[in-house]
PDB file of N, CA and C in Angstrom:
ATOM      1  N   MET A   1     -45.706  31.462  12.511  1.00  0.00           N
ATOM      2  CA  MET A   1     -45.407  31.047  13.824  1.00  0.00           C
ATOM      3  C   MET A   1     -44.192  31.834  14.506  1.00  0.00           C
ATOM      4  N   ILE A   2     -44.414  32.090  15.734  1.00  0.00           N
ATOM      5  CA  ILE A   2     -43.413  32.840  16.424  1.00  0.00           C
ATOM      6  C   ILE A   2     -42.944  31.912  17.538  1.00  0.00           C
ATOM      7  N   HIS A   3     -41.500  31.783  17.656  1.00  0.00           N
ATOM      8  CA  HIS A   3     -40.915  31.008  18.708  1.00  0.00           C
ATOM      9  C   HIS A   3     -40.020  31.813  19.522  1.00  0.00           C
ATOM     10  N   CYS A   4     -39.938  31.459  20.863  1.00  0.00           N
ATOM     11  CA  CYS A   4     -39.057  32.029  21.697  1.00  0.00           C
ATOM     12  C   CYS A   4     -38.326  30.905  22.515  1.00  0.00           C
ATOM     13  N   HIS A   5     -37.005  30.797  22.497  1.00  0.00           N
ATOM     14  CA  HIS A   5     -36.217  29.699  23.095  1.00  0.00           C
ATOM     15  C   HIS A   5     -36.824  28.474  22.778  1.00  0.00           C
ATOM     16  N   GLY A   6     -37.210  28.199  21.555  1.00  0.00           N
ATOM     17  CA  GLY A   6     -37.750  26.855  21.120  1.00  0.00           C
ATOM     18  C   GLY A   6     -39.182  26.645  21.406  1.00  0.00           C
ATOM     19  N   VAL A   7     -39.780  27.492  22.050  1.00  0.00           N
ATOM     20  CA  VAL A   7     -41.221  27.362  22.443  1.00  0.00           C
ATOM     21  C   VAL A   7     -42.156  28.193  21.581  1.00  0.00           C
ATOM     22  N   GLN A   8     -43.064  27.555  20.955  1.00  0.00           N
ATOM     23  CA  GLN A   8     -44.005  28.221  20.103  1.00  0.00           C
ATOM     24  C   GLN A   8     -44.843  29.144  21.012  1.00  0.00           C
ATOM     25  N   LEU A   9     -45.103  30.352  20.617  1.00  0.00           N
ATOM     26  CA  LEU A   9     -45.931  31.294  21.311  1.00  0.00           C
ATOM     27  C   LEU A   9     -47.242  31.366  20.656  1.00  0.00           C
ATOM     28  N   LYS A  10     -48.293  31.420  21.390  1.00  0.00           N
ATOM     29  CA  LYS A  10     -49.643  31.489  20.847  1.00  0.00           C
ATOM     30  C   LYS A  10     -49.944  33.095  20.862  1.00  0.00           C
ATOM     31  N   PRO A  11     -50.844  33.437  19.862  1.00  0.00           N
ATOM     32  CA  PRO A  11     -51.207  34.781  19.762  1.00  0.00           C
ATOM     33  C   PRO A  11     -51.977  35.198  20.960  1.00  0.00           C
ATOM     34  N   ALA A  12     -51.746  36.466  21.495  1.00  0.00           N
ATOM     35  CA  ALA A  12     -52.514  37.020  22.582  1.00  0.00           C
ATOM     36  C   ALA A  12     -53.898  37.495  22.107  1.00  0.00           C
ATOM     37  N   GLU A  13     -54.849  37.042  22.683  1.00  0.00           N
ATOM     38  CA  GLU A  13     -56.304  37.628  22.330  1.00  0.00           C
ATOM     39  C   GLU A  13     -56.567  38.758  23.384  1.00  0.00           C
ATOM     40  N   PRO A  14     -56.752  40.036  22.871  1.00  0.00           N
ATOM     41  CA  PRO A  14     -56.939  41.153  23.846  1.00  0.00           C
ATOM     42  C   PRO A  14     -58.393  41.063  24.428  1.00  0.00           C
ATOM     43  N   GLU A  15     -58.439  41.466  25.676  1.00  0.00           N
ATOM     44  CA  GLU A  15     -59.672  41.582  26.450  1.00  0.00           C
ATOM     45  C   GLU A  15     -60.091  42.984  26.485  1.00  0.00           C
ATOM     46  N   GLU A  16     -61.352  43.273  26.636  1.00  0.00           N
ATOM     47  CA  GLU A  16     -61.872  44.845  26.893  1.00  0.00           C
ATOM     48  C   GLU A  16     -61.114  45.306  28.093  1.00  0.00           C
ATOM     49  N   ALA A  17     -60.844  46.528  28.058  1.00  0.00           N
ATOM     50  CA  ALA A  17     -60.290  47.242  29.271  1.00  0.00           C
ATOM     51  C   ALA A  17     -61.321  47.236  30.351  1.00  0.00           C
ATOM     52  N   ASP A  18     -60.836  46.845  31.635  1.00  0.00           N
ATOM     53  CA  ASP A  18     -61.807  46.781  32.782  1.00  0.00           C
ATOM     54  C   ASP A  18     -61.452  47.707  33.959  1.00  0.00           C
ATOM     55  N   GLU A  19     -62.257  47.598  35.096  1.00  0.00           N
ATOM     56  CA  GLU A  19     -61.931  48.539  36.164  1.00  0.00           C
ATOM     57  C   GLU A  19     -60.647  48.565  36.692  1.00  0.00           C
ATOM     58  N   LYS A  20     -59.874  47.431  36.684  1.00  0.00           N
ATOM     59  CA  LYS A  20     -58.580  47.290  37.199  1.00  0.00           C
ATOM     60  C   LYS A  20     -57.538  47.924  36.190  1.00  0.00           C
ATOM     61  N   HIS A  21     -58.021  48.076  34.970  1.00  0.00           N
ATOM     62  CA  HIS A  21     -57.135  48.578  33.869  1.00  0.00           C
ATOM     63  C   HIS A  21     -57.842  49.679  33.078  1.00  0.00           C
ATOM     64  N   ASN A  22     -58.079  50.721  33.926  1.00  0.00           N
ATOM     65  CA  ASN A  22     -58.954  51.818  33.461  1.00  0.00           C
ATOM     66  C   ASN A  22     -58.155  52.728  32.638  1.00  0.00           C
ATOM     67  N   ILE A  23     -58.521  52.971  31.279  1.00  0.00           N
ATOM     68  CA  ILE A  23     -57.805  53.786  30.404  1.00  0.00           C
ATOM     69  C   ILE A  23     -58.518  55.077  30.169  1.00  0.00           C
ATOM     70  N   LYS A  24     -57.846  56.268  30.121  1.00  0.00           N
ATOM     71  CA  LYS A  24     -58.416  57.641  29.928  1.00  0.00           C
ATOM     72  C   LYS A  24     -57.841  58.093  28.728  1.00  0.00           C
ATOM     73  N   ILE A  25     -58.563  58.761  27.839  1.00  0.00           N
ATOM     74  CA  ILE A  25     -58.177  59.284  26.524  1.00  0.00           C
ATOM     75  C   ILE A  25     -58.637  60.614  26.519  1.00  0.00           C
ATOM     76  N   GLU A  26     -57.616  61.587  26.162  1.00  0.00           N
ATOM     77  CA  GLU A  26     -57.918  63.023  25.992  1.00  0.00           C
ATOM     78  C   GLU A  26     -57.277  63.541  24.698  1.00  0.00           C
ATOM     79  N   GLN A  27     -57.979  64.340  24.104  1.00  0.00           N
ATOM     80  CA  GLN A  27     -57.490  65.018  22.799  1.00  0.00           C
ATOM     81  C   GLN A  27     -56.620  66.301  23.212  1.00  0.00           C
ATOM     82  N   ILE A  28     -55.530  66.361  22.792  1.00  0.00           N
ATOM     83  CA  ILE A  28     -54.742  67.628  22.947  1.00  0.00           C
ATOM     84  C   ILE A  28     -54.116  67.989  21.676  1.00  0.00           C
ATOM     85  N   GLU A  29     -54.734  69.022  21.051  1.00  0.00           N
ATOM     86  CA  GLU A  29     -54.444  69.475  19.704  1.00  0.00           C
ATOM     87  C   GLU A  29     -54.517  68.275  18.761  1.00  0.00           C
ATOM     88  N   ASP A  30     -53.567  67.942  17.998  1.00  0.00           N
ATOM     89  CA  ASP A  30     -53.671  66.801  17.141  1.00  0.00           C
ATOM     90  C   ASP A  30     -53.157  65.423  17.590  1.00  0.00           C
ATOM     91  N   GLU A  31     -53.250  65.345  18.910  1.00  0.00           N
ATOM     92  CA  GLU A  31     -52.793  64.087  19.560  1.00  0.00           C
ATOM     93  C   GLU A  31     -53.749  63.541  20.624  1.00  0.00           C
ATOM     94  N   LEU A  32     -53.585  62.183  20.817  1.00  0.00           N
ATOM     95  CA  LEU A  32     -54.360  61.673  21.836  1.00  0.00           C
ATOM     96  C   LEU A  32     -53.384  61.392  23.030  1.00  0.00           C
ATOM     97  N   TYR A  33     -53.831  61.809  24.129  1.00  0.00           N
ATOM     98  CA  TYR A  33     -53.082  61.712  25.409  1.00  0.00           C
ATOM     99  C   TYR A  33     -53.727  60.475  26.112  1.00  0.00           C
ATOM    100  N   VAL A  34     -52.985  59.435  26.339  1.00  0.00           N
ATOM    101  CA  VAL A  34     -53.624  58.180  26.991  1.00  0.00           C
ATOM    102  C   VAL A  34     -52.892  57.954  28.363  1.00  0.00           C
ATOM    103  N   HIS A  35     -53.730  57.759  29.310  1.00  0.00           N
ATOM    104  CA  HIS A  35     -53.275  57.436  30.669  1.00  0.00           C
ATOM    105  C   HIS A  35     -53.988  56.257  31.163  1.00  0.00           C
ATOM    106  N   ILE A  36     -53.324  55.411  31.746  1.00  0.00           N
ATOM    107  CA  ILE A  36     -53.889  54.169  32.443  1.00  0.00           C
ATOM    108  C   ILE A  36     -53.585  54.248  33.856  1.00  0.00           C
ATOM    109  N   ASP A  37     -54.754  54.207  34.646  1.00  0.00           N
ATOM    110  CA  ASP A  37     -54.627  54.188  36.067  1.00  0.00           C
ATOM    111  C   ASP A  37     -54.177  52.721  36.499  1.00  0.00           C
ATOM    112  N   HIS A  38     -52.853  52.573  36.809  1.00  0.00           N
ATOM    113  CA  HIS A  38     -52.396  51.205  37.084  1.00  0.00           C
ATOM    114  C   HIS A  38     -51.102  51.376  37.921  1.00  0.00           C
ATOM    115  N   ASP A  39     -50.846  50.314  38.708  1.00  0.00           N
ATOM    116  CA  ASP A  39     -49.569  50.329  39.300  1.00  0.00           C
ATOM    117  C   ASP A  39     -48.395  50.221  38.313  1.00  0.00           C
ATOM    118  N   MET A  40     -47.400  50.812  38.641  1.00  0.00           N
ATOM    119  CA  MET A  40     -46.028  50.722  37.729  1.00  0.00           C
ATOM    120  C   MET A  40     -44.852  50.311  38.588  1.00  0.00           C
ATOM    121  N   THR A  41     -45.223  49.221  39.391  1.00  0.00           N
ATOM    122  CA  THR A  41     -44.070  48.672  40.279  1.00  0.00           C
ATOM    123  C   THR A  41     -43.167  47.708  39.292  1.00  0.00           C
ATOM    124  N   LYS A  42     -42.110  47.212  39.921  1.00  0.00           N
ATOM    125  CA  LYS A  42     -41.194  46.281  39.208  1.00  0.00           C
ATOM    126  C   LYS A  42     -42.030  44.885  39.120  1.00  0.00           C
ATOM    127  N   GLN A  43     -42.915  44.703  39.975  1.00  0.00           N
ATOM    128  CA  GLN A  43     -43.596  43.367  39.948  1.00  0.00           C
ATOM    129  C   GLN A  43     -44.880  43.339  39.105  1.00  0.00           C
ATOM    130  N   HIS A  44     -45.423  44.552  38.876  1.00  0.00           N
ATOM    131  CA  HIS A  44     -46.727  44.694  38.218  1.00  0.00           C
ATOM    132  C   HIS A  44     -46.881  46.034  37.470  1.00  0.00           C
ATOM    133  N   TYR A  45     -46.856  45.964  36.186  1.00  0.00           N
ATOM    134  CA  TYR A  45     -46.752  47.270  35.426  1.00  0.00           C
ATOM    135  C   TYR A  45     -47.451  47.122  33.936  1.00  0.00           C
ATOM    136  N   ILE A  46     -47.579  48.208  33.292  1.00  0.00           N
ATOM    137  CA  ILE A  46     -48.034  48.228  31.889  1.00  0.00           C
ATOM    138  C   ILE A  46     -46.717  48.383  31.115  1.00  0.00           C
ATOM    139  N   SER A  47     -46.549  47.295  30.097  1.00  0.00           N
ATOM    140  CA  SER A  47     -45.395  47.285  29.485  1.00  0.00           C
ATOM    141  C   SER A  47     -45.345  48.081  28.127  1.00  0.00           C
ATOM    142  N   PHE A  48     -46.498  48.367  27.570  1.00  0.00           N
ATOM    143  CA  PHE A  48     -46.574  49.199  26.456  1.00  0.00           C
ATOM    144  C   PHE A  48     -48.007  49.658  26.160  1.00  0.00           C
ATOM    145  N   ILE A  49     -48.153  50.824  25.271  1.00  0.00           N
ATOM    146  CA  ILE A  49     -49.456  51.132  24.764  1.00  0.00           C
ATOM    147  C   ILE A  49     -49.250  51.339  23.285  1.00  0.00           C
ATOM    148  N   ALA A  50     -50.244  50.885  22.534  1.00  0.00           N
ATOM    149  CA  ALA A  50     -50.168  50.991  21.007  1.00  0.00           C
ATOM    150  C   ALA A  50     -51.356  51.614  20.575  1.00  0.00           C
ATOM    151  N   ALA A  51     -51.324  52.491  19.570  1.00  0.00           N
ATOM    152  CA  ALA A  51     -52.455  52.973  18.985  1.00  0.00           C
ATOM    153  C   ALA A  51     -52.520  52.453  17.431  1.00  0.00           C
ATOM    154  N   ALA A  52     -53.656  51.894  17.074  1.00  0.00           N
ATOM    155  CA  ALA A  52     -53.815  51.277  15.730  1.00  0.00           C
ATOM    156  C   ALA A  52     -54.771  51.970  14.841  1.00  0.00           C
ATOM    157  N   SER A  53     -54.357  52.167  13.685  1.00  0.00           N
ATOM    158  CA  SER A  53     -55.244  52.687  12.589  1.00  0.00           C
ATOM    159  C   SER A  53     -55.317  51.642  11.507  1.00  0.00           C
ATOM    160  N   SER A  54     -55.846  51.962  10.383  1.00  0.00           N
ATOM    161  CA  SER A  54     -56.163  50.916   9.252  1.00  0.00           C
ATOM    162  C   SER A  54     -54.746  50.615   8.636  1.00  0.00           C
ATOM    163  N   ASP A  55     -53.789  51.520   8.682  1.00  0.00           N
ATOM    164  CA  ASP A  55     -52.440  51.199   7.972  1.00  0.00           C
ATOM    165  C   ASP A  55     -51.291  51.491   8.764  1.00  0.00           C
ATOM    166  N   ARG A  56     -51.368  51.676  10.160  1.00  0.00           N
ATOM    167  CA  ARG A  56     -50.189  51.766  10.880  1.00  0.00           C
ATOM    168  C   ARG A  56     -50.286  51.595  12.346  1.00  0.00           C
ATOM    169  N   MET A  57     -49.211  51.383  13.119  1.00  0.00           N
ATOM    170  CA  MET A  57     -49.371  51.256  14.594  1.00  0.00           C
ATOM    171  C   MET A  57     -48.323  52.219  15.160  1.00  0.00           C
ATOM    172  N   GLN A  58     -48.871  52.870  16.144  1.00  0.00           N
ATOM    173  CA  GLN A  58     -47.957  53.802  16.950  1.00  0.00           C
ATOM    174  C   GLN A  58     -47.707  53.164  18.239  1.00  0.00           C
ATOM    175  N   PHE A  59     -46.424  53.169  18.942  1.00  0.00           N
ATOM    176  CA  PHE A  59     -46.204  52.179  19.972  1.00  0.00           C
ATOM    177  C   PHE A  59     -45.317  53.071  20.913  1.00  0.00           C
ATOM    178  N   VAL A  60     -45.634  53.007  22.298  1.00  0.00           N
ATOM    179  CA  VAL A  60     -44.814  53.572  23.301  1.00  0.00           C
ATOM    180  C   VAL A  60     -44.511  52.552  24.280  1.00  0.00           C
ATOM    181  N   LYS A  61     -43.275  52.232  24.315  1.00  0.00           N
ATOM    182  CA  LYS A  61     -42.742  51.221  25.509  1.00  0.00           C
ATOM    183  C   LYS A  61     -42.781  51.940  26.820  1.00  0.00           C
ATOM    184  N   LEU A  62     -43.216  51.282  27.872  1.00  0.00           N
ATOM    185  CA  LEU A  62     -43.192  51.802  29.279  1.00  0.00           C
ATOM    186  C   LEU A  62     -42.292  50.932  30.118  1.00  0.00           C
ATOM    187  N   TYR A  63     -42.027  51.540  31.156  1.00  0.00           N
ATOM    188  CA  TYR A  63     -41.170  50.826  32.112  1.00  0.00           C
ATOM    189  C   TYR A  63     -41.547  50.942  33.608  1.00  0.00           C
ATOM    190  N   PRO A  64     -41.314  49.888  34.461  1.00  0.00           N
ATOM    191  CA  PRO A  64     -41.653  50.020  35.807  1.00  0.00           C
ATOM    192  C   PRO A  64     -41.197  51.255  36.521  1.00  0.00           C
ATOM    193  N   GLU A  65     -41.975  51.750  37.336  1.00  0.00           N
ATOM    194  CA  GLU A  65     -41.615  52.951  38.128  1.00  0.00           C
ATOM    195  C   GLU A  65     -41.718  54.251  37.299  1.00  0.00           C
ATOM    196  N   GLY A  66     -42.156  54.138  36.104  1.00  0.00           N
ATOM    197  CA  GLY A  66     -42.456  55.333  35.316  1.00  0.00           C
ATOM    198  C   GLY A  66     -43.937  55.534  35.273  1.00  0.00           C
ATOM    199  N   ASN A  67     -44.478  56.297  34.334  1.00  0.00           N
ATOM    200  CA  ASN A  67     -45.883  56.564  34.277  1.00  0.00           C
ATOM    201  C   ASN A  67     -46.546  55.676  33.053  1.00  0.00           C
ATOM    202  N   ALA A  68     -47.800  55.348  33.321  1.00  0.00           N
ATOM    203  CA  ALA A  68     -48.536  54.608  32.317  1.00  0.00           C
ATOM    204  C   ALA A  68     -49.293  55.493  31.389  1.00  0.00           C
ATOM    205  N   GLU A  69     -48.441  56.116  30.539  1.00  0.00           N
ATOM    206  CA  GLU A  69     -49.101  57.183  29.607  1.00  0.00           C
ATOM    207  C   GLU A  69     -48.398  57.301  28.353  1.00  0.00           C
ATOM    208  N   GLY A  70     -49.010  57.894  27.382  1.00  0.00           N
ATOM    209  CA  GLY A  70     -48.341  58.100  26.033  1.00  0.00           C
ATOM    210  C   GLY A  70     -49.118  59.087  25.267  1.00  0.00           C
ATOM    211  N   ARG A  71     -48.531  59.559  24.112  1.00  0.00           N
ATOM    212  CA  ARG A  71     -49.113  60.443  23.269  1.00  0.00           C
ATOM    213  C   ARG A  71     -49.033  59.787  21.813  1.00  0.00           C
ATOM    214  N   PHE A  72     -50.115  60.021  21.085  1.00  0.00           N
ATOM    215  CA  PHE A  72     -50.177  59.483  19.800  1.00  0.00           C
ATOM    216  C   PHE A  72     -50.870  60.412  18.783  1.00  0.00           C
ATOM    217  N   LYS A  73     -50.355  60.408  17.494  1.00  0.00           N
ATOM    218  CA  LYS A  73     -50.944  61.306  16.552  1.00  0.00           C
ATOM    219  C   LYS A  73     -52.389  60.678  16.444  1.00  0.00           C
ATOM    220  N   ILE A  74     -53.346  61.598  16.178  1.00  0.00           N
ATOM    221  CA  ILE A  74     -54.766  61.193  16.232  1.00  0.00           C
ATOM    222  C   ILE A  74     -55.188  60.571  14.885  1.00  0.00           C
ATOM    223  N   THR A  75     -54.610  60.945  13.725  1.00  0.00           N
ATOM    224  CA  THR A  75     -54.946  60.506  12.447  1.00  0.00           C
ATOM    225  C   THR A  75     -55.315  59.028  12.321  1.00  0.00           C
ATOM    226  N   GLY A  76     -56.430  58.737  12.216  1.00  0.00           N
ATOM    227  CA  GLY A  76     -56.916  57.248  11.856  1.00  0.00           C
ATOM    228  C   GLY A  76     -57.035  56.250  12.919  1.00  0.00           C
ATOM    229  N   VAL A  77     -56.757  56.688  14.329  1.00  0.00           N
ATOM    230  CA  VAL A  77     -56.620  55.844  15.342  1.00  0.00           C
ATOM    231  C   VAL A  77     -57.983  55.226  15.577  1.00  0.00           C
ATOM    232  N   LYS A  78     -58.101  53.830  15.583  1.00  0.00           N
ATOM    233  CA  LYS A  78     -59.318  53.244  15.890  1.00  0.00           C
ATOM    234  C   LYS A  78     -59.436  52.273  17.142  1.00  0.00           C
ATOM    235  N   LYS A  79     -58.139  51.797  17.453  1.00  0.00           N
ATOM    236  CA  LYS A  79     -58.011  50.966  18.692  1.00  0.00           C
ATOM    237  C   LYS A  79     -56.779  51.412  19.475  1.00  0.00           C
ATOM    238  N   LEU A  80     -56.894  51.257  20.722  1.00  0.00           N
ATOM    239  CA  LEU A  80     -55.606  51.241  21.607  1.00  0.00           C
ATOM    240  C   LEU A  80     -55.577  49.913  22.347  1.00  0.00           C
ATOM    241  N   TYR A  81     -54.289  49.427  22.270  1.00  0.00           N
ATOM    242  CA  TYR A  81     -53.934  48.247  22.893  1.00  0.00           C
ATOM    243  C   TYR A  81     -52.905  48.615  24.005  1.00  0.00           C
ATOM    244  N   PHE A  82     -52.949  47.881  25.061  1.00  0.00           N
ATOM    245  CA  PHE A  82     -51.903  47.877  26.163  1.00  0.00           C
ATOM    246  C   PHE A  82     -51.809  46.515  26.939  1.00  0.00           C
ATOM    247  N   TYR A  83     -50.527  46.368  27.512  1.00  0.00           N
ATOM    248  CA  TYR A  83     -50.259  44.966  27.914  1.00  0.00           C
ATOM    249  C   TYR A  83     -49.779  45.225  29.472  1.00  0.00           C
ATOM    250  N   CYS A  84     -50.507  44.410  30.365  1.00  0.00           N
ATOM    251  CA  CYS A  84     -50.156  44.326  31.710  1.00  0.00           C
ATOM    252  C   CYS A  84     -49.346  43.007  31.950  1.00  0.00           C
ATOM    253  N   ASN A  85     -48.209  43.167  32.524  1.00  0.00           N
ATOM    254  CA  ASN A  85     -47.328  41.998  32.707  1.00  0.00           C
ATOM    255  C   ASN A  85     -48.021  40.858  33.596  1.00  0.00           C
ATOM    256  N   ARG A  86     -49.032  41.100  34.307  1.00  0.00           N
ATOM    257  CA  ARG A  86     -49.715  40.065  35.109  1.00  0.00           C
ATOM    258  C   ARG A  86     -50.920  39.626  34.357  1.00  0.00           C
ATOM    259  N   ASP A  87     -51.724  40.435  33.881  1.00  0.00           N
ATOM    260  CA  ASP A  87     -53.072  40.155  33.377  1.00  0.00           C
ATOM    261  C   ASP A  87     -53.284  40.014  31.835  1.00  0.00           C
ATOM    262  N   GLY A  88     -52.138  40.499  31.065  1.00  0.00           N
ATOM    263  CA  GLY A  88     -52.321  40.166  29.697  1.00  0.00           C
ATOM    264  C   GLY A  88     -52.659  41.499  28.856  1.00  0.00           C
ATOM    265  N   LEU A  89     -53.075  41.227  27.710  1.00  0.00           N
ATOM    266  CA  LEU A  89     -53.304  42.237  26.629  1.00  0.00           C
ATOM    267  C   LEU A  89     -54.783  42.664  26.796  1.00  0.00           C
ATOM    268  N   PHE A  90     -55.031  44.005  26.753  1.00  0.00           N
ATOM    269  CA  PHE A  90     -56.289  44.763  26.692  1.00  0.00           C
ATOM    270  C   PHE A  90     -56.261  45.680  25.453  1.00  0.00           C
ATOM    271  N   CYS A  91     -57.595  45.993  25.078  1.00  0.00           N
ATOM    272  CA  CYS A  91     -57.917  46.960  24.088  1.00  0.00           C
ATOM    273  C   CYS A  91     -59.121  47.704  24.410  1.00  0.00           C
ATOM    274  N   THR A  92     -59.101  48.818  23.665  1.00  0.00           N
ATOM    275  CA  THR A  92     -60.393  49.597  23.730  1.00  0.00           C
ATOM    276  C   THR A  92     -60.646  50.265  22.409  1.00  0.00           C
ATOM    277  N   ASN A  93     -61.830  50.419  21.910  1.00  0.00           N
ATOM    278  CA  ASN A  93     -62.135  51.158  20.779  1.00  0.00           C
ATOM    279  C   ASN A  93     -62.016  52.606  21.004  1.00  0.00           C
ATOM    280  N   VAL A  94     -61.600  53.373  19.952  1.00  0.00           N
ATOM    281  CA  VAL A  94     -61.496  54.791  20.097  1.00  0.00           C
ATOM    282  C   VAL A  94     -62.512  55.493  19.142  1.00  0.00           C
ATOM    283  N   ASP A  95     -63.255  56.359  19.646  1.00  0.00           N
ATOM    284  CA  ASP A  95     -64.162  57.212  18.879  1.00  0.00           C
ATOM    285  C   ASP A  95     -63.724  58.683  19.071  1.00  0.00           C
ATOM    286  N   VAL A  96     -62.944  59.140  18.167  1.00  0.00           N
ATOM    287  CA  VAL A  96     -62.241  60.367  18.193  1.00  0.00           C
ATOM    288  C   VAL A  96     -63.346  61.644  18.455  1.00  0.00           C
ATOM    289  N   LYS A  97     -64.414  61.547  17.651  1.00  0.00           N
ATOM    290  CA  LYS A  97     -65.391  62.442  17.815  1.00  0.00           C
ATOM    291  C   LYS A  97     -66.069  62.664  19.194  1.00  0.00           C
ATOM    292  N   ALA A  98     -66.092  61.482  20.034  1.00  0.00           N
ATOM    293  CA  ALA A  98     -66.563  61.478  21.338  1.00  0.00           C
ATOM    294  C   ALA A  98     -65.560  61.854  22.405  1.00  0.00           C
ATOM    295  N   ILE A  99     -64.370  62.114  22.035  1.00  0.00           N
ATOM    296  CA  ILE A  99     -63.189  62.549  23.056  1.00  0.00           C
ATOM    297  C   ILE A  99     -63.198  64.137  23.088  1.00  0.00           C
ATOM    298  N   LYS A 100     -63.147  64.555  24.240  1.00  0.00           N
ATOM    299  CA  LYS A 100     -62.962  65.916  24.451  1.00  0.00           C
ATOM    300  C   LYS A 100     -61.680  66.306  25.191  1.00  0.00           C
TER     301      LYS A 100
END
C-alpha cells in the first residue's frame, strides 16, 4: 500500500488513449519519438510519458509550458503510458513493426 500524507492511494487504472489525448509514435533510428497533442498549460498538462517493456520502464518527466514529447530506446517496448493532470492515466499498445 502507498500512502501520501496519511491517505492511502488507490492504484490508477489506465484508460486507452482517446481523441483528446492523441498520441503519435514515430521510429527514428533505434528510438521511438512520442508526441502527444495536448495543452501544456500550468492548469492542464501531461506530467510524464513512460515506455514499458517486459523487464524495464523508461520514463520522461514533463513540465507545464514545455512539449508533450519524449524519446525512448525501442528495444522491447510493448506499452506507452502517460498521465494528464486532469483526466488521469492513459496507455496505448506499441507494435514496433507497424510504426514507420
